PDB file of N, CA and C in Angstrom:
ATOM      1  N   MET A   1     -14.003  -8.861  13.934  1.00  0.00           N
ATOM      2  CA  MET A   1     -12.276  -8.963  13.677  1.00  0.00           C
ATOM      3  C   MET A   1     -11.780  -7.521  13.858  1.00  0.00           C
ATOM      4  N   ASN A   2     -10.649  -7.415  14.694  1.00  0.00           N
ATOM      5  CA  ASN A   2     -10.233  -6.188  15.095  1.00  0.00           C
ATOM      6  C   ASN A   2      -9.422  -5.361  13.908  1.00  0.00           C
ATOM      7  N   THR A   3      -9.261  -4.175  14.091  1.00  0.00           N
ATOM      8  CA  THR A   3      -8.813  -3.366  13.143  1.00  0.00           C
ATOM      9  C   THR A   3      -7.403  -3.729  12.591  1.00  0.00           C
ATOM     10  N   LYS A   4      -6.511  -4.157  13.655  1.00  0.00           N
ATOM     11  CA  LYS A   4      -5.116  -4.741  12.989  1.00  0.00           C
ATOM     12  C   LYS A   4      -5.429  -5.947  12.391  1.00  0.00           C
ATOM     13  N   LEU A   5      -6.103  -7.034  12.774  1.00  0.00           N
ATOM     14  CA  LEU A   5      -6.489  -8.012  11.963  1.00  0.00           C
ATOM     15  C   LEU A   5      -6.946  -7.782  10.344  1.00  0.00           C
ATOM     16  N   ARG A   6      -7.696  -7.029  10.457  1.00  0.00           N
ATOM     17  CA  ARG A   6      -8.481  -6.593   9.333  1.00  0.00           C
ATOM     18  C   ARG A   6      -7.527  -5.963   8.268  1.00  0.00           C
ATOM     19  N   GLY A   7      -6.583  -5.078   8.873  1.00  0.00           N
ATOM     20  CA  GLY A   7      -5.529  -4.398   8.021  1.00  0.00           C
ATOM     21  C   GLY A   7      -4.424  -5.355   7.606  1.00  0.00           C
ATOM     22  N   SER A   8      -4.287  -6.315   8.447  1.00  0.00           N
ATOM     23  CA  SER A   8      -3.276  -7.458   7.973  1.00  0.00           C
ATOM     24  C   SER A   8      -3.888  -8.040   6.850  1.00  0.00           C
ATOM     25  N   TRP A   9      -5.153  -8.360   6.883  1.00  0.00           N
ATOM     26  CA  TRP A   9      -5.869  -9.248   5.849  1.00  0.00           C
ATOM     27  C   TRP A   9      -5.729  -8.297   4.536  1.00  0.00           C
ATOM     28  N   GLY A  10      -6.026  -7.072   4.635  1.00  0.00           N
ATOM     29  CA  GLY A  10      -5.898  -6.015   3.538  1.00  0.00           C
ATOM     30  C   GLY A  10      -4.789  -6.055   2.817  1.00  0.00           C
ATOM     31  N   GLU A  11      -3.631  -5.976   3.812  1.00  0.00           N
ATOM     32  CA  GLU A  11      -2.544  -5.968   3.069  1.00  0.00           C
ATOM     33  C   GLU A  11      -2.064  -7.240   2.503  1.00  0.00           C
ATOM     34  N   ALA A  12      -2.303  -8.263   2.799  1.00  0.00           N
ATOM     35  CA  ALA A  12      -2.024  -9.708   2.380  1.00  0.00           C
ATOM     36  C   ALA A  12      -2.614  -9.964   1.280  1.00  0.00           C
ATOM     37  N   SER A  13      -4.126  -9.333   1.152  1.00  0.00           N
ATOM     38  CA  SER A  13      -4.681  -9.303  -0.292  1.00  0.00           C
ATOM     39  C   SER A  13      -4.277  -8.661  -1.212  1.00  0.00           C
ATOM     40  N   ALA A  14      -3.621  -7.147  -0.952  1.00  0.00           N
ATOM     41  CA  ALA A  14      -2.838  -6.281  -1.923  1.00  0.00           C
ATOM     42  C   ALA A  14      -1.786  -6.940  -2.416  1.00  0.00           C
ATOM     43  N   MET A  15      -0.810  -7.807  -1.512  1.00  0.00           N
ATOM     44  CA  MET A  15       0.504  -8.701  -1.628  1.00  0.00           C
ATOM     45  C   MET A  15       0.072  -9.459  -3.239  1.00  0.00           C
ATOM     46  N   LYS A  16      -1.104 -10.216  -2.747  1.00  0.00           N
ATOM     47  CA  LYS A  16      -1.191 -11.397  -3.369  1.00  0.00           C
ATOM     48  C   LYS A  16      -1.783 -10.652  -4.737  1.00  0.00           C
ATOM     49  N   TYR A  17      -2.427  -9.665  -4.708  1.00  0.00           N
ATOM     50  CA  TYR A  17      -2.631  -9.300  -6.164  1.00  0.00           C
ATOM     51  C   TYR A  17      -1.250  -8.749  -6.735  1.00  0.00           C
ATOM     52  N   LEU A  18      -0.557  -8.034  -6.042  1.00  0.00           N
ATOM     53  CA  LEU A  18       0.560  -7.539  -6.782  1.00  0.00           C
ATOM     54  C   LEU A  18       1.588  -8.928  -7.392  1.00  0.00           C
ATOM     55  N   ARG A  19       1.603  -9.831  -6.509  1.00  0.00           N
ATOM     56  CA  ARG A  19       2.623 -10.875  -6.928  1.00  0.00           C
ATOM     57  C   ARG A  19       1.853 -11.685  -8.099  1.00  0.00           C
ATOM     58  N   ASP A  20       0.505 -11.729  -8.220  1.00  0.00           N
ATOM     59  CA  ASP A  20      -0.242 -12.245  -9.541  1.00  0.00           C
ATOM     60  C   ASP A  20       0.042 -11.262 -10.516  1.00  0.00           C
ATOM     61  N   ARG A  21       0.528 -10.101 -10.348  1.00  0.00           N
ATOM     62  CA  ARG A  21       0.837  -9.262 -11.590  1.00  0.00           C
ATOM     63  C   ARG A  21       2.392  -8.960 -11.632  1.00  0.00           C
ATOM     64  N   GLN A  22       3.209 -10.231 -11.163  1.00  0.00           N
ATOM     65  CA  GLN A  22       4.632 -10.067 -11.550  1.00  0.00           C
ATOM     66  C   GLN A  22       5.185  -9.139 -10.624  1.00  0.00           C
ATOM     67  N   TYR A  23       4.912  -8.526  -9.646  1.00  0.00           N
ATOM     68  CA  TYR A  23       5.704  -7.516  -8.703  1.00  0.00           C
ATOM     69  C   TYR A  23       6.266  -8.344  -7.937  1.00  0.00           C
ATOM     70  N   ILE A  24       7.380  -8.065  -7.463  1.00  0.00           N
ATOM     71  CA  ILE A  24       8.464  -8.789  -6.403  1.00  0.00           C
ATOM     72  C   ILE A  24       8.414  -8.454  -5.180  1.00  0.00           C
ATOM     73  N   PRO A  25       7.902  -8.882  -4.023  1.00  0.00           N
ATOM     74  CA  PRO A  25       7.874  -8.483  -2.677  1.00  0.00           C
ATOM     75  C   PRO A  25       9.373  -7.995  -2.272  1.00  0.00           C
ATOM     76  N   VAL A  26       9.300  -6.928  -1.672  1.00  0.00           N
ATOM     77  CA  VAL A  26      10.671  -6.644  -0.785  1.00  0.00           C
ATOM     78  C   VAL A  26      10.515  -6.638   0.767  1.00  0.00           C
ATOM     79  N   ALA A  27       9.251  -6.045   1.146  1.00  0.00           N
ATOM     80  CA  ALA A  27       8.919  -5.855   2.644  1.00  0.00           C
ATOM     81  C   ALA A  27       7.538  -5.602   2.740  1.00  0.00           C
ATOM     82  N   MET A  28       6.941  -5.853   3.831  1.00  0.00           N
ATOM     83  CA  MET A  28       5.767  -5.475   4.448  1.00  0.00           C
ATOM     84  C   MET A  28       5.667  -4.936   5.748  1.00  0.00           C
ATOM     85  N   GLY A  29       5.153  -3.977   5.922  1.00  0.00           N
ATOM     86  CA  GLY A  29       5.043  -3.184   7.325  1.00  0.00           C
ATOM     87  C   GLY A  29       6.194  -2.577   7.731  1.00  0.00           C
ATOM     88  N   TYR A  30       6.968  -1.927   6.736  1.00  0.00           N
ATOM     89  CA  TYR A  30       8.222  -1.140   7.353  1.00  0.00           C
ATOM     90  C   TYR A  30       7.775   0.055   8.167  1.00  0.00           C
ATOM     91  N   ARG A  31       8.653   0.347   9.235  1.00  0.00           N
ATOM     92  CA  ARG A  31       8.245   1.080  10.163  1.00  0.00           C
ATOM     93  C   ARG A  31       9.366   2.226  10.546  1.00  0.00           C
ATOM     94  N   SER A  32       9.120   3.277  10.715  1.00  0.00           N
ATOM     95  CA  SER A  32      10.015   4.489  10.955  1.00  0.00           C
ATOM     96  C   SER A  32       9.565   5.373  11.858  1.00  0.00           C
ATOM     97  N   ARG A  33      10.014   6.204  12.440  1.00  0.00           N
ATOM     98  CA  ARG A  33       9.600   7.326  13.163  1.00  0.00           C
ATOM     99  C   ARG A  33       8.378   8.359  12.668  1.00  0.00           C
ATOM    100  N   TYR A  34       8.712   8.301  11.234  1.00  0.00           N
ATOM    101  CA  TYR A  34       7.508   9.028  10.619  1.00  0.00           C
ATOM    102  C   TYR A  34       6.352   8.245  10.221  1.00  0.00           C
ATOM    103  N   GLY A  35       6.203   6.965  10.278  1.00  0.00           N
ATOM    104  CA  GLY A  35       5.023   6.042   9.972  1.00  0.00           C
ATOM    105  C   GLY A  35       5.575   4.975   9.605  1.00  0.00           C
ATOM    106  N   GLU A  36       4.509   4.198   8.815  1.00  0.00           N
ATOM    107  CA  GLU A  36       4.523   2.895   8.278  1.00  0.00           C
ATOM    108  C   GLU A  36       4.416   2.908   6.666  1.00  0.00           C
ATOM    109  N   ILE A  37       5.254   2.171   6.274  1.00  0.00           N
ATOM    110  CA  ILE A  37       4.741   1.746   4.388  1.00  0.00           C
ATOM    111  C   ILE A  37       4.224   0.349   4.523  1.00  0.00           C
ATOM    112  N   ASP A  38       2.901   0.097   4.096  1.00  0.00           N
ATOM    113  CA  ASP A  38       2.423  -1.212   4.176  1.00  0.00           C
ATOM    114  C   ASP A  38       3.073  -2.170   3.152  1.00  0.00           C
ATOM    115  N   LEU A  39       3.339  -1.719   1.909  1.00  0.00           N
ATOM    116  CA  LEU A  39       3.984  -2.896   0.939  1.00  0.00           C
ATOM    117  C   LEU A  39       5.260  -1.990   0.591  1.00  0.00           C
ATOM    118  N   ILE A  40       6.538  -2.836   0.060  1.00  0.00           N
ATOM    119  CA  ILE A  40       7.489  -2.271  -0.721  1.00  0.00           C
ATOM    120  C   ILE A  40       7.766  -3.507  -1.583  1.00  0.00           C
ATOM    121  N   VAL A  41       7.569  -3.197  -2.914  1.00  0.00           N
ATOM    122  CA  VAL A  41       7.734  -4.276  -4.063  1.00  0.00           C
ATOM    123  C   VAL A  41       8.664  -3.626  -5.176  1.00  0.00           C
ATOM    124  N   ARG A  42       8.946  -4.702  -5.868  1.00  0.00           N
ATOM    125  CA  ARG A  42      10.005  -4.283  -7.112  1.00  0.00           C
ATOM    126  C   ARG A  42       8.880  -4.520  -8.413  1.00  0.00           C
ATOM    127  N   ASP A  43       8.934  -3.368  -9.230  1.00  0.00           N
ATOM    128  CA  ASP A  43       8.261  -3.569 -10.650  1.00  0.00           C
ATOM    129  C   ASP A  43       9.183  -3.148 -11.524  1.00  0.00           C
ATOM    130  N   GLY A  44       9.903  -4.010 -12.350  1.00  0.00           N
ATOM    131  CA  GLY A  44      10.666  -3.341 -13.392  1.00  0.00           C
ATOM    132  C   GLY A  44      12.011  -2.597 -12.836  1.00  0.00           C
ATOM    133  N   ARG A  45      11.865  -1.385 -13.197  1.00  0.00           N
ATOM    134  CA  ARG A  45      13.002  -0.247 -12.848  1.00  0.00           C
ATOM    135  C   ARG A  45      12.495   0.524 -11.554  1.00  0.00           C
ATOM    136  N   TYR A  46      11.440   0.075 -11.118  1.00  0.00           N
ATOM    137  CA  TYR A  46      10.878   0.575  -9.847  1.00  0.00           C
ATOM    138  C   TYR A  46      10.848  -0.039  -8.674  1.00  0.00           C
ATOM    139  N   ILE A  47      11.345   0.882  -7.313  1.00  0.00           N
ATOM    140  CA  ILE A  47      11.026   0.353  -6.178  1.00  0.00           C
ATOM    141  C   ILE A  47       9.857   1.048  -5.681  1.00  0.00           C
ATOM    142  N   VAL A  48       8.697   0.267  -5.325  1.00  0.00           N
ATOM    143  CA  VAL A  48       7.289   0.814  -5.427  1.00  0.00           C
ATOM    144  C   VAL A  48       6.901   0.670  -3.800  1.00  0.00           C
ATOM    145  N   PHE A  49       6.505   1.863  -3.399  1.00  0.00           N
ATOM    146  CA  PHE A  49       6.124   1.884  -1.942  1.00  0.00           C
ATOM    147  C   PHE A  49       4.306   2.324  -2.191  1.00  0.00           C
ATOM    148  N   VAL A  50       3.839   1.252  -1.394  1.00  0.00           N
ATOM    149  CA  VAL A  50       2.445   0.985  -1.627  1.00  0.00           C
ATOM    150  C   VAL A  50       1.710   1.368  -0.282  1.00  0.00           C
ATOM    151  N   GLU A  51       0.623   2.058  -0.226  1.00  0.00           N
ATOM    152  CA  GLU A  51      -0.106   2.343   0.735  1.00  0.00           C
ATOM    153  C   GLU A  51      -1.406   1.780   0.414  1.00  0.00           C
ATOM    154  N   VAL A  52      -1.959   0.867   1.301  1.00  0.00           N
ATOM    155  CA  VAL A  52      -3.038  -0.270   1.279  1.00  0.00           C
ATOM    156  C   VAL A  52      -4.129   0.502   2.058  1.00  0.00           C
ATOM    157  N   LYS A  53      -5.370   0.720   1.298  1.00  0.00           N
ATOM    158  CA  LYS A  53      -6.518   1.410   2.107  1.00  0.00           C
ATOM    159  C   LYS A  53      -7.616   0.578   1.959  1.00  0.00           C
ATOM    160  N   LEU A  54      -8.251  -0.067   2.836  1.00  0.00           N
ATOM    161  CA  LEU A  54      -9.347  -1.123   2.984  1.00  0.00           C
ATOM    162  C   LEU A  54     -10.653  -0.166   3.723  1.00  0.00           C
ATOM    163  N   ARG A  55     -11.618  -0.474   2.733  1.00  0.00           N
ATOM    164  CA  ARG A  55     -12.815   0.154   3.236  1.00  0.00           C
ATOM    165  C   ARG A  55     -13.955  -0.764   2.735  1.00  0.00           C
ATOM    166  N   LYS A  56     -15.234  -0.769   3.375  1.00  0.00           N
ATOM    167  CA  LYS A  56     -16.086  -1.569   3.241  1.00  0.00           C
ATOM    168  C   LYS A  56     -17.101  -0.993   1.835  1.00  0.00           C
ATOM    169  N   ASN A  57     -17.065  -0.021   1.556  1.00  0.00           N
ATOM    170  CA  ASN A  57     -17.548   0.634   0.357  1.00  0.00           C
ATOM    171  C   ASN A  57     -17.032   2.047   0.395  1.00  0.00           C
ATOM    172  N   SER A  58     -17.507   2.838  -0.703  1.00  0.00           N
ATOM    173  CA  SER A  58     -17.166   4.133  -0.828  1.00  0.00           C
ATOM    174  C   SER A  58     -18.180   5.137  -0.558  1.00  0.00           C
ATOM    175  N   SER A  59     -19.276   4.666   0.075  1.00  0.00           N
ATOM    176  CA  SER A  59     -20.373   5.874   0.179  1.00  0.00           C
ATOM    177  C   SER A  59     -20.037   7.078   0.903  1.00  0.00           C
ATOM    178  N   PHE A  60     -19.127   6.899   1.774  1.00  0.00           N
ATOM    179  CA  PHE A  60     -18.350   8.022   2.677  1.00  0.00           C
ATOM    180  C   PHE A  60     -17.433   8.628   1.587  1.00  0.00           C
ATOM    181  N   ALA A  61     -16.669   7.950   1.103  1.00  0.00           N
ATOM    182  CA  ALA A  61     -15.390   8.801   0.545  1.00  0.00           C
ATOM    183  C   ALA A  61     -14.634   7.697  -0.151  1.00  0.00           C
ATOM    184  N   GLU A  62     -14.002   7.933  -1.461  1.00  0.00           N
ATOM    185  CA  GLU A  62     -13.195   6.914  -2.044  1.00  0.00           C
ATOM    186  C   GLU A  62     -12.144   6.607  -0.984  1.00  0.00           C
ATOM    187  N   ALA A  63     -11.535   5.595  -0.969  1.00  0.00           N
ATOM    188  CA  ALA A  63     -10.365   5.252  -0.083  1.00  0.00           C
ATOM    189  C   ALA A  63      -9.298   5.978  -0.435  1.00  0.00           C
ATOM    190  N   ARG A  64      -9.021   6.198  -1.547  1.00  0.00           N
ATOM    191  CA  ARG A  64      -7.589   6.993  -1.826  1.00  0.00           C
ATOM    192  C   ARG A  64      -7.711   8.667  -1.243  1.00  0.00           C
ATOM    193  N   GLU A  65      -9.048   8.794  -0.799  1.00  0.00           N
ATOM    194  CA  GLU A  65      -9.019  10.183  -0.278  1.00  0.00           C
ATOM    195  C   GLU A  65      -8.445  10.246   0.973  1.00  0.00           C
ATOM    196  N   PHE A  66      -8.186   9.188   1.526  1.00  0.00           N
ATOM    197  CA  PHE A  66      -7.601   9.019   3.127  1.00  0.00           C
ATOM    198  C   PHE A  66      -6.194   9.265   3.060  1.00  0.00           C
ATOM    199  N   VAL A  67      -5.744   9.168   1.800  1.00  0.00           N
ATOM    200  CA  VAL A  67      -4.297   9.474   1.724  1.00  0.00           C
ATOM    201  C   VAL A  67      -3.785  10.954   1.078  1.00  0.00           C
ATOM    202  N   ASP A  68      -3.979  11.746   2.322  1.00  0.00           N
ATOM    203  CA  ASP A  68      -3.943  13.209   2.080  1.00  0.00           C
ATOM    204  C   ASP A  68      -2.640  13.695   2.071  1.00  0.00           C
ATOM    205  N   ARG A  69      -2.500  15.011   1.859  1.00  0.00           N
ATOM    206  CA  ARG A  69      -1.037  15.541   1.530  1.00  0.00           C
ATOM    207  C   ARG A  69       0.052  15.190   2.815  1.00  0.00           C
ATOM    208  N   ASN A  70      -0.727  15.463   3.996  1.00  0.00           N
ATOM    209  CA  ASN A  70       0.283  14.985   5.147  1.00  0.00           C
ATOM    210  C   ASN A  70       0.566  13.578   5.222  1.00  0.00           C
ATOM    211  N   LYS A  71      -0.349  12.748   4.891  1.00  0.00           N
ATOM    212  CA  LYS A  71      -0.062  11.146   4.859  1.00  0.00           C
ATOM    213  C   LYS A  71       1.045  10.977   3.859  1.00  0.00           C
ATOM    214  N   GLN A  72       1.010  11.708   2.538  1.00  0.00           N
ATOM    215  CA  GLN A  72       1.877  11.579   1.485  1.00  0.00           C
ATOM    216  C   GLN A  72       3.515  12.035   1.839  1.00  0.00           C
ATOM    217  N   GLU A  73       3.155  13.076   2.793  1.00  0.00           N
ATOM    218  CA  GLU A  73       4.616  13.606   3.307  1.00  0.00           C
ATOM    219  C   GLU A  73       5.245  12.185   4.108  1.00  0.00           C
ATOM    220  N   ARG A  74       4.268  11.971   5.155  1.00  0.00           N
ATOM    221  CA  ARG A  74       4.783  11.017   6.073  1.00  0.00           C
ATOM    222  C   ARG A  74       5.496   9.648   5.400  1.00  0.00           C
ATOM    223  N   LEU A  75       4.651   9.354   4.410  1.00  0.00           N
ATOM    224  CA  LEU A  75       5.237   8.125   3.398  1.00  0.00           C
ATOM    225  C   LEU A  75       6.557   8.459   2.782  1.00  0.00           C
ATOM    226  N   ARG A  76       6.537   9.662   2.128  1.00  0.00           N
ATOM    227  CA  ARG A  76       7.982  10.187   1.455  1.00  0.00           C
ATOM    228  C   ARG A  76       9.277  10.079   2.349  1.00  0.00           C
ATOM    229  N   LYS A  77       8.860  10.577   3.688  1.00  0.00           N
ATOM    230  CA  LYS A  77      10.137  10.640   4.720  1.00  0.00           C
ATOM    231  C   LYS A  77      10.355   9.079   5.009  1.00  0.00           C
ATOM    232  N   THR A  78       9.326   8.372   5.475  1.00  0.00           N
ATOM    233  CA  THR A  78       9.546   6.900   5.300  1.00  0.00           C
ATOM    234  C   THR A  78      10.083   6.110   4.472  1.00  0.00           C
ATOM    235  N   ALA A  79      10.032   6.443   3.480  1.00  0.00           N
ATOM    236  CA  ALA A  79      10.446   5.833   2.119  1.00  0.00           C
ATOM    237  C   ALA A  79      12.053   6.155   2.033  1.00  0.00           C
ATOM    238  N   ALA A  80      12.354   7.419   2.225  1.00  0.00           N
ATOM    239  CA  ALA A  80      13.651   8.207   2.258  1.00  0.00           C
ATOM    240  C   ALA A  80      14.621   7.429   3.257  1.00  0.00           C
ATOM    241  N   LEU A  81      13.973   7.222   4.596  1.00  0.00           N
ATOM    242  CA  LEU A  81      14.708   6.716   5.516  1.00  0.00           C
ATOM    243  C   LEU A  81      14.907   5.060   4.865  1.00  0.00           C
ATOM    244  N   TRP A  82      13.927   4.397   4.426  1.00  0.00           N
ATOM    245  CA  TRP A  82      14.095   3.065   3.850  1.00  0.00           C
ATOM    246  C   TRP A  82      15.437   3.064   2.744  1.00  0.00           C
ATOM    247  N   LEU A  83      15.147   4.077   1.882  1.00  0.00           N
ATOM    248  CA  LEU A  83      16.373   4.235   0.734  1.00  0.00           C
ATOM    249  C   LEU A  83      17.658   4.390   1.364  1.00  0.00           C
ATOM    250  N   CYS A  84      17.668   5.244   2.429  1.00  0.00           N
ATOM    251  CA  CYS A  84      19.242   5.498   2.694  1.00  0.00           C
ATOM    252  C   CYS A  84      19.615   3.925   3.428  1.00  0.00           C
ATOM    253  N   ALA A  85      18.839   3.186   4.158  1.00  0.00           N
ATOM    254  CA  ALA A  85      19.063   1.911   4.584  1.00  0.00           C
ATOM    255  C   ALA A  85      19.516   0.991   3.499  1.00  0.00           C
ATOM    256  N   ASN A  86      18.717   0.746   2.684  1.00  0.00           N
ATOM    257  CA  ASN A  86      18.693  -0.336   1.430  1.00  0.00           C
ATOM    258  C   ASN A  86      19.040   0.491   0.046  1.00  0.00           C
ATOM    259  N   GLU A  87      20.408   0.828  -0.209  1.00  0.00           N
ATOM    260  CA  GLU A  87      20.523   1.382  -1.258  1.00  0.00           C
ATOM    261  C   GLU A  87      20.266   0.532  -2.561  1.00  0.00           C
ATOM    262  N   THR A  88      19.797   1.308  -3.719  1.00  0.00           N
ATOM    263  CA  THR A  88      19.067   0.676  -4.906  1.00  0.00           C
ATOM    264  C   THR A  88      19.219   1.710  -6.002  1.00  0.00           C
ATOM    265  N   PRO A  89      19.582   1.022  -7.228  1.00  0.00           N
ATOM    266  CA  PRO A  89      19.340   1.863  -8.576  1.00  0.00           C
ATOM    267  C   PRO A  89      18.134   2.008  -8.971  1.00  0.00           C
ATOM    268  N   LEU A  90      17.004   1.510  -8.561  1.00  0.00           N
ATOM    269  CA  LEU A  90      15.770   1.576  -9.032  1.00  0.00           C
ATOM    270  C   LEU A  90      15.160   3.067  -8.441  1.00  0.00           C
ATOM    271  N   GLN A  91      14.287   3.215  -9.415  1.00  0.00           N
ATOM    272  CA  GLN A  91      13.540   4.597  -9.131  1.00  0.00           C
ATOM    273  C   GLN A  91      12.203   4.498  -8.312  1.00  0.00           C
ATOM    274  N   PRO A  92      12.216   5.358  -7.241  1.00  0.00           N
ATOM    275  CA  PRO A  92      11.088   5.157  -6.395  1.00  0.00           C
ATOM    276  C   PRO A  92       9.768   5.534  -7.040  1.00  0.00           C
ATOM    277  N   ARG A  93       8.794   4.888  -6.525  1.00  0.00           N
ATOM    278  CA  ARG A  93       7.336   5.253  -6.999  1.00  0.00           C
ATOM    279  C   ARG A  93       6.512   5.061  -5.924  1.00  0.00           C
ATOM    280  N   PHE A  94       5.504   5.763  -5.830  1.00  0.00           N
ATOM    281  CA  PHE A  94       4.217   5.575  -4.802  1.00  0.00           C
ATOM    282  C   PHE A  94       2.969   5.276  -5.111  1.00  0.00           C
ATOM    283  N   ASP A  95       2.579   3.967  -5.077  1.00  0.00           N
ATOM    284  CA  ASP A  95       1.187   3.371  -5.399  1.00  0.00           C
ATOM    285  C   ASP A  95       0.154   3.487  -4.153  1.00  0.00           C
ATOM    286  N   VAL A  96      -1.220   3.321  -4.587  1.00  0.00           N
ATOM    287  CA  VAL A  96      -2.210   3.390  -3.480  1.00  0.00           C
ATOM    288  C   VAL A  96      -3.125   2.119  -4.213  1.00  0.00           C
ATOM    289  N   ILE A  97      -3.270   1.205  -3.164  1.00  0.00           N
ATOM    290  CA  ILE A  97      -4.260  -0.102  -3.522  1.00  0.00           C
ATOM    291  C   ILE A  97      -5.587   0.082  -2.505  1.00  0.00           C
ATOM    292  N   GLU A  98      -6.651   0.387  -3.203  1.00  0.00           N
ATOM    293  CA  GLU A  98      -7.787   0.442  -2.717  1.00  0.00           C
ATOM    294  C   GLU A  98      -8.493  -0.903  -2.612  1.00  0.00           C
ATOM    295  N   ILE A  99      -8.927  -1.422  -1.425  1.00  0.00           N
ATOM    296  CA  ILE A  99      -9.708  -2.507  -1.296  1.00  0.00           C
ATOM    297  C   ILE A  99     -10.953  -2.424  -0.793  1.00  0.00           C
ATOM    298  N   TYR A 100     -12.417  -2.668  -1.439  1.00  0.00           N
ATOM    299  CA  TYR A 100     -13.540  -2.634  -1.076  1.00  0.00           C
ATOM    300  C   TYR A 100     -13.945  -4.302  -0.654  1.00  0.00           C
ATOM    301  N   ALA A 101     -14.268  -4.180   0.595  1.00  0.00           N
ATOM    302  CA  ALA A 101     -14.559  -5.579   0.980  1.00  0.00           C
ATOM    303  C   ALA A 101     -15.984  -5.300   2.113  1.00  0.00           C
ATOM    304  N   PRO A 102     -16.970  -5.557   1.255  1.00  0.00           N
ATOM    305  CA  PRO A 102     -18.277  -5.211   2.395  1.00  0.00           C
ATOM    306  C   PRO A 102     -18.322  -6.177   3.450  1.00  0.00           C
ATOM    307  N   GLN A 103     -18.030  -7.464   3.222  1.00  0.00           N
ATOM    308  CA  GLN A 103     -18.056  -8.398   4.538  1.00  0.00           C
ATOM    309  C   GLN A 103     -16.661  -8.517   5.227  1.00  0.00           C
ATOM    310  N   GLY A 104     -15.921  -7.590   4.965  1.00  0.00           N
ATOM    311  CA  GLY A 104     -14.818  -7.665   5.700  1.00  0.00           C
ATOM    312  C   GLY A 104     -13.882  -8.769   5.152  1.00  0.00           C
ATOM    313  N   ALA A 105     -12.942  -9.515   5.988  1.00  0.00           N
ATOM    314  CA  ALA A 105     -11.981 -10.635   5.285  1.00  0.00           C
ATOM    315  C   ALA A 105     -12.812 -11.817   4.779  1.00  0.00           C
ATOM    316  N   ILE A 106     -14.195 -12.014   5.121  1.00  0.00           N
ATOM    317  CA  ILE A 106     -14.836 -12.976   4.402  1.00  0.00           C
ATOM    318  C   ILE A 106     -15.376 -12.858   3.147  1.00  0.00           C
ATOM    319  N   THR A 107     -14.890 -11.715   2.692  1.00  0.00           N
ATOM    320  CA  THR A 107     -15.494 -11.071   1.183  1.00  0.00           C
ATOM    321  C   THR A 107     -14.776 -12.014   0.429  1.00  0.00           C
ATOM    322  N   GLU A 108     -15.447 -12.791  -0.536  1.00  0.00           N
ATOM    323  CA  GLU A 108     -14.786 -13.653  -1.436  1.00  0.00           C
ATOM    324  C   GLU A 108     -14.290 -12.882  -2.703  1.00  0.00           C
ATOM    325  N   ASN A 109     -14.617 -12.041  -2.986  1.00  0.00           N
ATOM    326  CA  ASN A 109     -14.017 -11.344  -4.404  1.00  0.00           C
ATOM    327  C   ASN A 109     -14.205  -9.910  -4.103  1.00  0.00           C
ATOM    328  N   PRO A 110     -13.253  -9.035  -3.231  1.00  0.00           N
ATOM    329  CA  PRO A 110     -13.104  -7.819  -2.848  1.00  0.00           C
ATOM    330  C   PRO A 110     -12.490  -7.074  -4.093  1.00  0.00           C
ATOM    331  N   VAL A 111     -13.299  -5.801  -4.540  1.00  0.00           N
ATOM    332  CA  VAL A 111     -12.706  -5.222  -5.280  1.00  0.00           C
ATOM    333  C   VAL A 111     -11.597  -4.506  -5.062  1.00  0.00           C
ATOM    334  N   ILE A 112     -10.689  -4.626  -5.895  1.00  0.00           N
ATOM    335  CA  ILE A 112      -9.074  -3.901  -5.772  1.00  0.00           C
ATOM    336  C   ILE A 112      -8.730  -2.891  -6.952  1.00  0.00           C
ATOM    337  N   ASN A 113      -8.811  -1.980  -6.479  1.00  0.00           N
ATOM    338  CA  ASN A 113      -8.086  -0.572  -7.458  1.00  0.00           C
ATOM    339  C   ASN A 113      -6.793  -0.155  -7.295  1.00  0.00           C
ATOM    340  N   HIS A 114      -5.871  -0.409  -8.044  1.00  0.00           N
ATOM    341  CA  HIS A 114      -4.640   0.085  -7.826  1.00  0.00           C
ATOM    342  C   HIS A 114      -4.246   1.061  -8.741  1.00  0.00           C
ATOM    343  N   LEU A 115      -3.754   2.007  -8.011  1.00  0.00           N
ATOM    344  CA  LEU A 115      -3.476   3.474  -8.497  1.00  0.00           C
ATOM    345  C   LEU A 115      -1.978   3.625  -8.445  1.00  0.00           C
ATOM    346  N   ILE A 116      -1.631   3.470  -9.708  1.00  0.00           N
ATOM    347  CA  ILE A 116       0.043   3.582 -10.189  1.00  0.00           C
ATOM    348  C   ILE A 116       0.461   5.119  -9.969  1.00  0.00           C
ATOM    349  N   ASN A 117       1.781   5.016  -9.218  1.00  0.00           N
ATOM    350  CA  ASN A 117       1.979   6.451  -9.226  1.00  0.00           C
ATOM    351  C   ASN A 117       1.059   7.325  -8.831  1.00  0.00           C
ATOM    352  N   ALA A 118       0.443   7.166  -7.765  1.00  0.00           N
ATOM    353  CA  ALA A 118      -0.631   8.049  -7.100  1.00  0.00           C
ATOM    354  C   ALA A 118      -0.471   9.266  -6.662  1.00  0.00           C
ATOM    355  N   PHE A 119       0.749   9.673  -6.128  1.00  0.00           N
ATOM    356  CA  PHE A 119       1.022  10.896  -5.643  1.00  0.00           C
ATOM    357  C   PHE A 119       1.484  12.159  -6.844  1.00  0.00           C
ATOM    358  N   GLU A 120       1.081  11.750  -7.981  1.00  0.00           N
ATOM    359  CA  GLU A 120       1.374  12.752  -9.193  1.00  0.00           C
ATOM    360  C   GLU A 120       0.220  13.757  -9.252  1.00  0.00           C
TER     361      GLU A 120
END
């Protein structure tokens, strides 16, 4: 499975995880000149911008460690552009979803960690 298909599987798995927890999907794969936001969902009074990180395991580093300051800044700029084009009274929030899938897309029960308000 190539990287793009693996990434799509991870994002679809994360969206299913969020839907199961009553989050409301707004968009997937929003792109701007600064980068891409994997998922945008509503959670009560929040509009949530979600970065999905998919890894086989955490032996090298935790998936969340790949969302460094530069990545966070690009996500903030991309979210600002989305908010300019999509006016909302909701409070923005940035979450990270880590997915550990040792067998890739055929992993039956991947481990999913949801880091709420991950940039704080």
